[in-house]
């Protein structure tokens, strides 16, 4: 599928709806521009997997009361 769009004076372009739907590009999605073999490729930004950040994210949920005591104990013991 080829769809042509113009870049605005601010350097913006609209991603066509069929492409946004197919790749689940929602408002607020972080994207990255990559140069590959002389082409510019737009793709959703890859999520960085960092075990510490994941654990802190879960621990933040614990602090907000979004989990049970059993889950807290599993987090501290590194059990799932």
PDB file of N, CA and C in Angstrom:
ATOM      1  N   UNK A   1       0.847  -1.175   0.000  1.00  0.00           N
ATOM      2  CA  UNK A   1       0.000   0.000   0.000  1.00  0.00           C
ATOM      3  C   UNK A   1       0.894   1.240   0.000  1.00  0.00           C
ATOM      4  N   UNK A   2       0.646   2.132  -0.893  1.00  0.00           N
ATOM      5  CA  UNK A   2       1.373   3.398  -0.960  1.00  0.00           C
ATOM      6  C   UNK A   2       0.367   4.524  -0.781  1.00  0.00           C
ATOM      7  N   UNK A   3       0.658   5.394   0.176  1.00  0.00           N
ATOM      8  CA  UNK A   3      -0.166   6.574   0.382  1.00  0.00           C
ATOM      9  C   UNK A   3       0.771   7.762   0.477  1.00  0.00           C
ATOM     10  N   UNK A   4       0.500   8.795  -0.283  1.00  0.00           N
ATOM     11  CA  UNK A   4       1.374   9.968  -0.318  1.00  0.00           C
ATOM     12  C   UNK A   4       0.785  11.072   0.562  1.00  0.00           C
ATOM     13  N   UNK A   5       1.661  11.706   1.314  1.00  0.00           N
ATOM     14  CA  UNK A   5       1.263  12.808   2.183  1.00  0.00           C
ATOM     15  C   UNK A   5       2.290  13.921   2.019  1.00  0.00           C
ATOM     16  N   UNK A   6       1.899  15.161   2.287  1.00  0.00           N
ATOM     17  CA  UNK A   6       2.826  16.296   2.233  1.00  0.00           C
ATOM     18  C   UNK A   6       3.297  16.628   3.641  1.00  0.00           C
ATOM     19  N   UNK A   7       4.550  17.009   3.737  1.00  0.00           N
ATOM     20  CA  UNK A   7       5.099  17.474   5.002  1.00  0.00           C
ATOM     21  C   UNK A   7       4.723  18.943   5.155  1.00  0.00           C
ATOM     22  N   UNK A   8       4.215  19.323   6.339  1.00  0.00           N
ATOM     23  CA  UNK A   8       3.819  20.711   6.581  1.00  0.00           C
ATOM     24  C   UNK A   8       5.060  21.578   6.803  1.00  0.00           C
ATOM     25  N   UNK A   9       4.841  22.888   6.883  1.00  0.00           N
ATOM     26  CA  UNK A   9       5.948  23.821   7.119  1.00  0.00           C
ATOM     27  C   UNK A   9       6.595  23.585   8.484  1.00  0.00           C
ATOM     28  N   UNK A  10       5.879  22.919   9.384  1.00  0.00           N
ATOM     29  CA  UNK A  10       6.428  22.587  10.708  1.00  0.00           C
ATOM     30  C   UNK A  10       7.096  21.217  10.728  1.00  0.00           C
ATOM     31  N   UNK A  11       7.180  20.570   9.567  1.00  0.00           N
ATOM     32  CA  UNK A  11       7.821  19.253   9.500  1.00  0.00           C
ATOM     33  C   UNK A  11       6.920  18.116   9.933  1.00  0.00           C
ATOM     34  N   UNK A  12       5.614  18.350   9.936  1.00  0.00           N
ATOM     35  CA  UNK A  12       4.657  17.340  10.377  1.00  0.00           C
ATOM     36  C   UNK A  12       4.031  16.628   9.192  1.00  0.00           C
ATOM     37  N   UNK A  13       3.607  15.407   9.432  1.00  0.00           N
ATOM     38  CA  UNK A  13       2.896  14.638   8.416  1.00  0.00           C
ATOM     39  C   UNK A  13       1.824  13.818   9.136  1.00  0.00           C
ATOM     40  N   UNK A  14       0.705  13.626   8.485  1.00  0.00           N
ATOM     41  CA  UNK A  14      -0.368  12.812   9.049  1.00  0.00           C
ATOM     42  C   UNK A  14      -0.174  11.370   8.606  1.00  0.00           C
ATOM     43  N   UNK A  15      -0.196  10.464   9.563  1.00  0.00           N
ATOM     44  CA  UNK A  15      -0.121   9.039   9.232  1.00  0.00           C
ATOM     45  C   UNK A  15      -1.527   8.594   8.855  1.00  0.00           C
ATOM     46  N   UNK A  16      -1.712   8.048   7.661  1.00  0.00           N
ATOM     47  CA  UNK A  16      -3.057   7.661   7.224  1.00  0.00           C
ATOM     48  C   UNK A  16      -3.726   6.689   8.201  1.00  0.00           C
ATOM     49  N   UNK A  17      -5.021   6.847   8.361  1.00  0.00           N
ATOM     50  CA  UNK A  17      -5.794   6.048   9.300  1.00  0.00           C
ATOM     51  C   UNK A  17      -5.620   4.539   9.112  1.00  0.00           C
ATOM     52  N   UNK A  18      -5.661   4.015   7.879  1.00  0.00           N
ATOM     53  CA  UNK A  18      -5.485   2.561   7.741  1.00  0.00           C
ATOM     54  C   UNK A  18      -4.145   2.067   8.303  1.00  0.00           C
ATOM     55  N   UNK A  19      -3.105   2.875   8.162  1.00  0.00           N
ATOM     56  CA  UNK A  19      -1.794   2.488   8.689  1.00  0.00           C
ATOM     57  C   UNK A  19      -1.794   2.590  10.212  1.00  0.00           C
ATOM     58  N   UNK A  20      -2.385   3.670  10.751  1.00  0.00           N
ATOM     59  CA  UNK A  20      -2.470   3.801  12.221  1.00  0.00           C
ATOM     60  C   UNK A  20      -3.242   2.641  12.805  1.00  0.00           C
ATOM     61  N   UNK A  21      -4.338   2.264  12.161  1.00  0.00           N
ATOM     62  CA  UNK A  21      -5.147   1.144  12.667  1.00  0.00           C
ATOM     63  C   UNK A  21      -4.385  -0.170  12.595  1.00  0.00           C
ATOM     64  N   UNK A  22      -3.742  -0.431  11.472  1.00  0.00           N
ATOM     65  CA  UNK A  22      -3.034  -1.700  11.292  1.00  0.00           C
ATOM     66  C   UNK A  22      -1.913  -1.885  12.309  1.00  0.00           C
ATOM     67  N   UNK A  23      -1.208  -0.791  12.636  1.00  0.00           N
ATOM     68  CA  UNK A  23      -0.061  -0.889  13.540  1.00  0.00           C
ATOM     69  C   UNK A  23      -0.364  -0.370  14.943  1.00  0.00           C
ATOM     70  N   UNK A  24      -1.647  -0.115  15.208  1.00  0.00           N
ATOM     71  CA  UNK A  24      -2.110   0.332  16.528  1.00  0.00           C
ATOM     72  C   UNK A  24      -1.345   1.556  17.012  1.00  0.00           C
ATOM     73  N   UNK A  25      -1.210   2.550  16.141  1.00  0.00           N
ATOM     74  CA  UNK A  25      -0.548   3.800  16.485  1.00  0.00           C
ATOM     75  C   UNK A  25      -1.597   4.756  17.032  1.00  0.00           C
ATOM     76  N   UNK A  26      -1.626   4.877  18.330  1.00  0.00           N
ATOM     77  CA  UNK A  26      -2.614   5.718  19.020  1.00  0.00           C
ATOM     78  C   UNK A  26      -1.983   7.060  19.370  1.00  0.00           C
ATOM     79  N   UNK A  27      -2.807   8.082  19.658  1.00  0.00           N
ATOM     80  CA  UNK A  27      -2.242   9.355  20.118  1.00  0.00           C
ATOM     81  C   UNK A  27      -1.363   9.113  21.346  1.00  0.00           C
ATOM     82  N   UNK A  28      -0.204   9.722  21.340  1.00  0.00           N
ATOM     83  CA  UNK A  28       0.731   9.549  22.448  1.00  0.00           C
ATOM     84  C   UNK A  28       1.737   8.424  22.250  1.00  0.00           C
ATOM     85  N   UNK A  29       1.580   7.641  21.164  1.00  0.00           N
ATOM     86  CA  UNK A  29       2.538   6.573  20.879  1.00  0.00           C
ATOM     87  C   UNK A  29       3.879   7.199  20.517  1.00  0.00           C
ATOM     88  N   UNK A  30       4.943   6.746  21.171  1.00  0.00           N
ATOM     89  CA  UNK A  30       6.282   7.201  20.817  1.00  0.00           C
ATOM     90  C   UNK A  30       6.736   6.444  19.582  1.00  0.00           C
ATOM     91  N   UNK A  31       7.286   7.176  18.621  1.00  0.00           N
ATOM     92  CA  UNK A  31       7.793   6.558  17.403  1.00  0.00           C
ATOM     93  C   UNK A  31       9.249   6.969  17.224  1.00  0.00           C
ATOM     94  N   UNK A  32       9.954   6.197  16.413  1.00  0.00           N
ATOM     95  CA  UNK A  32      11.330   6.539  16.090  1.00  0.00           C
ATOM     96  C   UNK A  32      11.507   6.520  14.584  1.00  0.00           C
ATOM     97  N   UNK A  33      12.385   7.387  14.112  1.00  0.00           N
ATOM     98  CA  UNK A  33      12.729   7.448  12.698  1.00  0.00           C
ATOM     99  C   UNK A  33      14.108   6.813  12.554  1.00  0.00           C
ATOM    100  N   UNK A  34      14.210   5.836  11.659  1.00  0.00           N
ATOM    101  CA  UNK A  34      15.450   5.100  11.473  1.00  0.00           C
ATOM    102  C   UNK A  34      15.813   5.138   9.996  1.00  0.00           C
ATOM    103  N   UNK A  35      17.074   5.358   9.706  1.00  0.00           N
ATOM    104  CA  UNK A  35      17.553   5.314   8.325  1.00  0.00           C
ATOM    105  C   UNK A  35      18.070   3.902   8.076  1.00  0.00           C
ATOM    106  N   UNK A  36      17.452   3.230   7.104  1.00  0.00           N
ATOM    107  CA  UNK A  36      17.828   1.867   6.738  1.00  0.00           C
ATOM    108  C   UNK A  36      17.990   1.791   5.231  1.00  0.00           C
ATOM    109  N   UNK A  37      19.176   1.481   4.788  1.00  0.00           N
ATOM    110  CA  UNK A  37      19.458   1.322   3.353  1.00  0.00           C
ATOM    111  C   UNK A  37      18.987   2.517   2.538  1.00  0.00           C
ATOM    112  N   UNK A  38      19.231   3.723   3.035  1.00  0.00           N
ATOM    113  CA  UNK A  38      18.867   4.925   2.292  1.00  0.00           C
ATOM    114  C   UNK A  38      17.406   5.312   2.380  1.00  0.00           C
ATOM    115  N   UNK A  39      16.623   4.613   3.206  1.00  0.00           N
ATOM    116  CA  UNK A  39      15.206   4.925   3.404  1.00  0.00           C
ATOM    117  C   UNK A  39      14.971   5.357   4.844  1.00  0.00           C
ATOM    118  N   UNK A  40      13.960   6.202   5.017  1.00  0.00           N
ATOM    119  CA  UNK A  40      13.557   6.585   6.365  1.00  0.00           C
ATOM    120  C   UNK A  40      12.406   5.693   6.772  1.00  0.00           C
ATOM    121  N   UNK A  41      12.562   5.030   7.900  1.00  0.00           N
ATOM    122  CA  UNK A  41      11.541   4.107   8.387  1.00  0.00           C
ATOM    123  C   UNK A  41      10.978   4.667   9.696  1.00  0.00           C
ATOM    124  N   UNK A  42       9.676   4.731   9.773  1.00  0.00           N
ATOM    125  CA  UNK A  42       8.982   5.157  10.992  1.00  0.00           C
ATOM    126  C   UNK A  42       8.462   3.905  11.671  1.00  0.00           C
ATOM    127  N   UNK A  43       8.754   3.748  12.959  1.00  0.00           N
ATOM    128  CA  UNK A  43       8.241   2.572  13.668  1.00  0.00           C
ATOM    129  C   UNK A  43       7.972   2.932  15.117  1.00  0.00           C
ATOM    130  N   UNK A  44       7.048   2.201  15.739  1.00  0.00           N
ATOM    131  CA  UNK A  44       6.818   2.448  17.161  1.00  0.00           C
ATOM    132  C   UNK A  44       8.122   2.229  17.921  1.00  0.00           C
ATOM    133  N   UNK A  45       8.358   3.089  18.895  1.00  0.00           N
ATOM    134  CA  UNK A  45       9.597   2.976  19.660  1.00  0.00           C
ATOM    135  C   UNK A  45       9.607   1.676  20.438  1.00  0.00           C
ATOM    136  N   UNK A  46      10.708   0.982  20.386  1.00  0.00           N
ATOM    137  CA  UNK A  46      10.833  -0.272  21.120  1.00  0.00           C
ATOM    138  C   UNK A  46      10.876   0.016  22.607  1.00  0.00           C
ATOM    139  N   UNK A  47      10.188  -0.814  23.337  1.00  0.00           N
ATOM    140  CA  UNK A  47      10.205  -0.664  24.786  1.00  0.00           C
ATOM    141  C   UNK A  47      11.528  -1.193  25.314  1.00  0.00           C
ATOM    142  N   UNK A  48      12.146  -0.400  26.166  1.00  0.00           N
ATOM    143  CA  UNK A  48      13.374  -0.828  26.816  1.00  0.00           C
ATOM    144  C   UNK A  48      12.991  -1.755  27.958  1.00  0.00           C
ATOM    145  N   UNK A  49      13.522  -2.957  27.961  1.00  0.00           N
ATOM    146  CA  UNK A  49      13.232  -3.862  29.058  1.00  0.00           C
ATOM    147  C   UNK A  49      14.355  -3.764  30.077  1.00  0.00           C
ATOM    148  N   UNK A  50      14.004  -3.240  31.208  1.00  0.00           N
ATOM    149  CA  UNK A  50      14.935  -3.064  32.297  1.00  0.00           C
ATOM    150  C   UNK A  50      14.288  -3.657  33.538  1.00  0.00           C
ATOM    151  N   UNK A  51      14.822  -4.761  34.054  1.00  0.00           N
ATOM    152  CA  UNK A  51      14.194  -5.430  35.197  1.00  0.00           C
ATOM    153  C   UNK A  51      14.013  -4.512  36.399  1.00  0.00           C
ATOM    154  N   UNK A  52      14.959  -3.613  36.629  1.00  0.00           N
ATOM    155  CA  UNK A  52      14.852  -2.702  37.769  1.00  0.00           C
ATOM    156  C   UNK A  52      13.670  -1.763  37.574  1.00  0.00           C
ATOM    157  N   UNK A  53      13.537  -1.199  36.362  1.00  0.00           N
ATOM    158  CA  UNK A  53      12.415  -0.293  36.094  1.00  0.00           C
ATOM    159  C   UNK A  53      11.079  -1.020  36.203  1.00  0.00           C
ATOM    160  N   UNK A  54      11.035  -2.256  35.705  1.00  0.00           N
ATOM    161  CA  UNK A  54       9.803  -3.042  35.814  1.00  0.00           C
ATOM    162  C   UNK A  54       9.456  -3.282  37.277  1.00  0.00           C
ATOM    163  N   UNK A  55      10.464  -3.636  38.079  1.00  0.00           N
ATOM    164  CA  UNK A  55      10.225  -3.899  39.497  1.00  0.00           C
ATOM    165  C   UNK A  55       9.755  -2.631  40.186  1.00  0.00           C
ATOM    166  N   UNK A  56      10.404  -1.491  39.872  1.00  0.00           N
ATOM    167  CA  UNK A  56       9.990  -0.229  40.481  1.00  0.00           C
ATOM    168  C   UNK A  56       8.570   0.130  40.083  1.00  0.00           C
ATOM    169  N   UNK A  57       8.203  -0.154  38.834  1.00  0.00           N
ATOM    170  CA  UNK A  57       6.831   0.097  38.397  1.00  0.00           C
ATOM    171  C   UNK A  57       5.833  -0.725  39.188  1.00  0.00           C
ATOM    172  N   UNK A  58       6.178  -1.978  39.425  1.00  0.00           N
ATOM    173  CA  UNK A  58       5.312  -2.831  40.234  1.00  0.00           C
ATOM    174  C   UNK A  58       5.291  -2.349  41.678  1.00  0.00           C
ATOM    175  N   UNK A  59       6.448  -1.959  42.193  1.00  0.00           N
ATOM    176  CA  UNK A  59       6.528  -1.492  43.575  1.00  0.00           C
ATOM    177  C   UNK A  59       5.724  -0.210  43.766  1.00  0.00           C
ATOM    178  N   UNK A  60       5.701   0.649  42.737  1.00  0.00           N
ATOM    179  CA  UNK A  60       4.887   1.865  42.798  1.00  0.00           C
ATOM    180  C   UNK A  60       3.419   1.499  42.932  1.00  0.00           C
ATOM    181  N   UNK A  61       2.999   0.488  42.179  1.00  0.00           N
ATOM    182  CA  UNK A  61       1.619   0.007  42.301  1.00  0.00           C
ATOM    183  C   UNK A  61       1.337  -0.507  43.698  1.00  0.00           C
ATOM    184  N   UNK A  62       2.331  -1.133  44.317  1.00  0.00           N
ATOM    185  CA  UNK A  62       2.189  -1.629  45.681  1.00  0.00           C
ATOM    186  C   UNK A  62       1.931  -0.463  46.617  1.00  0.00           C
ATOM    187  N   UNK A  63       2.701   0.613  46.442  1.00  0.00           N
ATOM    188  CA  UNK A  63       2.555   1.774  47.314  1.00  0.00           C
ATOM    189  C   UNK A  63       1.189   2.423  47.167  1.00  0.00           C
ATOM    190  N   UNK A  64       0.574   2.258  46.027  1.00  0.00           N
ATOM    191  CA  UNK A  64      -0.737   2.868  45.794  1.00  0.00           C
ATOM    192  C   UNK A  64      -1.879   1.913  46.129  1.00  0.00           C
ATOM    193  N   UNK A  65      -1.554   0.783  46.709  1.00  0.00           N
ATOM    194  CA  UNK A  65      -2.582  -0.149  47.127  1.00  0.00           C
ATOM    195  C   UNK A  65      -3.199  -0.948  46.002  1.00  0.00           C
ATOM    196  N   UNK A  66      -2.457  -1.202  44.932  1.00  0.00           N
ATOM    197  CA  UNK A  66      -3.009  -1.918  43.788  1.00  0.00           C
ATOM    198  C   UNK A  66      -2.643  -3.399  43.809  1.00  0.00           C
ATOM    199  N   UNK A  67      -2.219  -3.899  44.940  1.00  0.00           N
ATOM    200  CA  UNK A  67      -1.828  -5.301  44.994  1.00  0.00           C
ATOM    201  C   UNK A  67      -2.147  -5.888  46.360  1.00  0.00           C
ATOM    202  N   UNK A  68      -1.856  -7.162  46.521  1.00  0.00           N
ATOM    203  CA  UNK A  68      -2.124  -7.855  47.775  1.00  0.00           C
ATOM    204  C   UNK A  68      -0.824  -8.113  48.524  1.00  0.00           C
ATOM    205  N   UNK A  69      -0.945  -8.484  49.769  1.00  0.00           N
ATOM    206  CA  UNK A  69       0.229  -8.826  50.562  1.00  0.00           C
ATOM    207  C   UNK A  69       0.990  -9.984  49.930  1.00  0.00           C
ATOM    208  N   UNK A  70       0.274 -10.954  49.405  1.00  0.00           N
ATOM    209  CA  UNK A  70       0.922 -12.095  48.757  1.00  0.00           C
ATOM    210  C   UNK A  70       1.771 -11.638  47.579  1.00  0.00           C
ATOM    211  N   UNK A  71       1.258 -10.693  46.793  1.00  0.00           N
ATOM    212  CA  UNK A  71       2.033 -10.193  45.657  1.00  0.00           C
ATOM    213  C   UNK A  71       3.266  -9.428  46.129  1.00  0.00           C
ATOM    214  N   UNK A  72       3.129  -8.676  47.215  1.00  0.00           N
ATOM    215  CA  UNK A  72       4.275  -7.955  47.771  1.00  0.00           C
ATOM    216  C   UNK A  72       5.351  -8.949  48.198  1.00  0.00           C
ATOM    217  N   UNK A  73       4.952 -10.007  48.871  1.00  0.00           N
ATOM    218  CA  UNK A  73       5.915 -11.019  49.309  1.00  0.00           C
ATOM    219  C   UNK A  73       6.582 -11.680  48.104  1.00  0.00           C
ATOM    220  N   UNK A  74       5.828 -11.936  47.063  1.00  0.00           N
ATOM    221  CA  UNK A  74       6.409 -12.536  45.850  1.00  0.00           C
ATOM    222  C   UNK A  74       7.413 -11.595  45.199  1.00  0.00           C
ATOM    223  N   UNK A  75       7.107 -10.282  45.198  1.00  0.00           N
ATOM    224  CA  UNK A  75       8.047  -9.314  44.637  1.00  0.00           C
ATOM    225  C   UNK A  75       9.358  -9.313  45.415  1.00  0.00           C
ATOM    226  N   UNK A  76       9.273  -9.339  46.719  1.00  0.00           N
ATOM    227  CA  UNK A  76      10.497  -9.306  47.519  1.00  0.00           C
ATOM    228  C   UNK A  76      11.278 -10.604  47.406  1.00  0.00           C
ATOM    229  N   UNK A  77      10.596 -11.705  47.114  1.00  0.00           N
ATOM    230  CA  UNK A  77      11.260 -12.997  46.965  1.00  0.00           C
ATOM    231  C   UNK A  77      11.598 -13.308  45.524  1.00  0.00           C
ATOM    232  N   UNK A  78      11.201 -12.401  44.584  1.00  0.00           N
ATOM    233  CA  UNK A  78      11.392 -12.614  43.144  1.00  0.00           C
ATOM    234  C   UNK A  78      10.659 -13.844  42.650  1.00  0.00           C
ATOM    235  N   UNK A  79       9.463 -14.067  43.158  1.00  0.00           N
ATOM    236  CA  UNK A  79       8.613 -15.167  42.721  1.00  0.00           C
ATOM    237  C   UNK A  79       7.472 -14.611  41.903  1.00  0.00           C
ATOM    238  N   UNK A  80       6.938 -15.423  40.987  1.00  0.00           N
ATOM    239  CA  UNK A  80       5.775 -14.986  40.189  1.00  0.00           C
ATOM    240  C   UNK A  80       4.553 -15.772  40.568  1.00  0.00           C
TER     241      UNK A  80
END
